[in-house]
Amino acid sequence: MSAEDLDNYENDAELALYREYRDVIKLFTYVVETERRFYLANHVDFNVRTAGQDVYFDVQLTDAWVWDVYRPSRFVKNVRIVTFKDVNIEEMQKSDLEFPEGLTA
């Protein structure tokens, strides 16, 4: 396999992942972003924890979809994220998922 073949394979996989994301986003309520991953979920339980003087985040997702091109199955029943890094959680409005007239995803 040449470098060009590998690049084409990765580009095709990313495009397929984006198309899947575009198709499934309407099924979810929350977008969750961490340093390592991007998730869609229908339930998010966010907790701030301490260990000594350190603070970390314990986030549990239910009914989730994971943005990961190399996962064979991106739909996950439960996800637990434990991190010292930032976590961004957004609740989507259904109007956020609609595209302006004439535009498509």
Protein backbone atom coordinates (compact mmCIF):
# COMPACT_ATOMS: atom_id res chain seq x y z
CA MET A 1 0.00 0.00 0.00
CA SER A 2 1.43 3.34 -1.03
CA ALA A 3 1.41 6.51 1.03
CA GLU A 4 -1.17 7.94 -1.36
CA ASP A 5 -3.40 4.87 -0.89
CA LEU A 6 -3.13 5.26 2.86
CA ASP A 7 -4.00 8.97 2.65
CA ASN A 8 -7.01 8.18 0.45
CA TYR A 9 -8.17 5.49 2.88
CA GLU A 10 -7.90 7.87 5.85
CA ASN A 11 -9.68 10.66 3.96
CA ASP A 12 -12.50 8.28 2.97
CA ALA A 13 -12.81 7.04 6.57
CA GLU A 14 -13.00 10.64 7.90
CA LEU A 15 -15.63 11.55 5.32
CA ALA A 16 -17.71 8.48 6.21
CA LEU A 17 -17.41 9.38 9.91
CA TYR A 18 -18.56 12.94 9.24
CA ARG A 19 -21.54 11.66 7.24
CA GLU A 20 -22.45 9.29 10.08
CA TYR A 21 -22.19 12.18 12.56
CA ARG A 22 -24.43 14.33 10.36
CA ASP A 23 -27.00 11.52 10.24
CA VAL A 24 -27.03 10.70 13.97
CA ILE A 25 -26.68 14.13 15.60
CA LYS A 26 -30.46 14.62 15.58
CA LEU A 27 -30.81 11.58 17.87
CA PHE A 28 -28.88 13.21 20.73
CA THR A 29 -29.35 16.04 23.22
CA TYR A 30 -25.78 16.88 24.31
CA VAL A 31 -22.41 17.47 22.69
CA VAL A 32 -19.47 16.65 24.99
CA GLU A 33 -15.92 17.63 24.10
CA THR A 34 -12.78 16.60 25.94
CA GLU A 35 -9.13 16.91 25.04
CA ARG A 36 -9.16 13.37 23.63
CA ARG A 37 -12.66 12.74 22.29
CA PHE A 38 -15.90 14.18 20.99
CA TYR A 39 -19.21 12.61 22.06
CA LEU A 40 -22.91 12.93 21.47
CA ALA A 41 -25.12 11.78 24.35
CA ASN A 42 -28.69 11.82 25.63
CA HIS A 43 -27.80 12.02 29.33
CA VAL A 44 -24.79 13.63 31.01
CA ASP A 45 -23.89 13.41 34.68
CA PHE A 46 -21.08 15.87 35.47
CA ASN A 47 -19.28 15.86 38.83
CA VAL A 48 -16.29 17.81 40.15
CA ARG A 49 -14.14 15.63 42.41
CA THR A 50 -11.09 16.27 44.56
CA ALA A 51 -8.11 14.11 45.38
CA GLY A 52 -6.04 15.94 47.95
CA GLN A 53 -5.57 19.39 46.47
CA ASP A 54 -6.18 18.24 42.89
CA VAL A 55 -9.52 18.75 41.19
CA TYR A 56 -10.74 16.47 38.42
CA PHE A 57 -13.92 15.89 36.46
CA ASP A 58 -15.94 12.69 36.49
CA VAL A 59 -18.41 12.66 33.60
CA GLN A 60 -20.78 9.82 32.88
CA LEU A 61 -22.64 9.62 29.58
CA THR A 62 -25.59 7.41 28.77
CA ASP A 63 -26.73 6.50 25.27
CA ALA A 64 -23.69 7.95 23.53
CA TRP A 65 -21.98 8.12 20.16
CA VAL A 66 -18.19 8.51 19.98
CA TRP A 67 -16.32 10.39 17.25
CA ASP A 68 -13.55 7.90 16.56
CA VAL A 69 -12.74 6.84 13.04
CA TYR A 70 -11.05 3.61 14.18
CA ARG A 71 -13.86 2.26 16.42
CA PRO A 72 -15.82 -0.57 14.81
CA SER A 73 -18.94 0.51 16.76
CA ARG A 74 -19.39 4.12 17.78
CA PHE A 75 -22.68 3.68 19.67
CA VAL A 76 -22.00 3.11 23.38
CA LYS A 77 -24.49 2.45 26.17
CA ASN A 78 -22.38 4.02 28.96
CA VAL A 79 -19.19 6.09 28.92
CA ARG A 80 -17.20 7.30 31.90
CA ILE A 81 -14.69 10.10 31.46
CA VAL A 82 -12.24 10.97 34.24
CA THR A 83 -9.98 13.90 33.41
CA PHE A 84 -8.02 16.79 34.86
CA LYS A 85 -8.46 18.67 31.56
CA ASP A 86 -11.32 20.86 30.38
CA VAL A 87 -14.69 19.33 29.52
CA ASN A 88 -17.18 21.23 27.36
CA ILE A 89 -20.84 20.17 27.56
CA GLU A 90 -23.46 21.80 25.38
CA GLU A 91 -27.16 21.10 25.23
CA MET A 92 -28.28 21.33 21.63
CA GLN A 93 -31.39 23.12 20.51
CA LYS A 94 -33.30 21.37 17.75
CA SER A 95 -33.02 24.58 15.71
CA ASP A 96 -29.21 24.19 15.89
CA LEU A 97 -29.56 21.03 13.83
CA GLU A 98 -31.38 22.61 10.92
CA PHE A 99 -29.43 23.98 7.98
CA PRO A 100 -30.27 27.31 6.34
CA GLU A 101 -32.29 27.06 3.15
CA GLY A 102 -30.12 25.99 0.22
CA LEU A 103 -27.36 24.53 2.42
CA THR A 104 -26.82 20.87 3.21
CA ALA A 105 -24.40 19.11 5.48
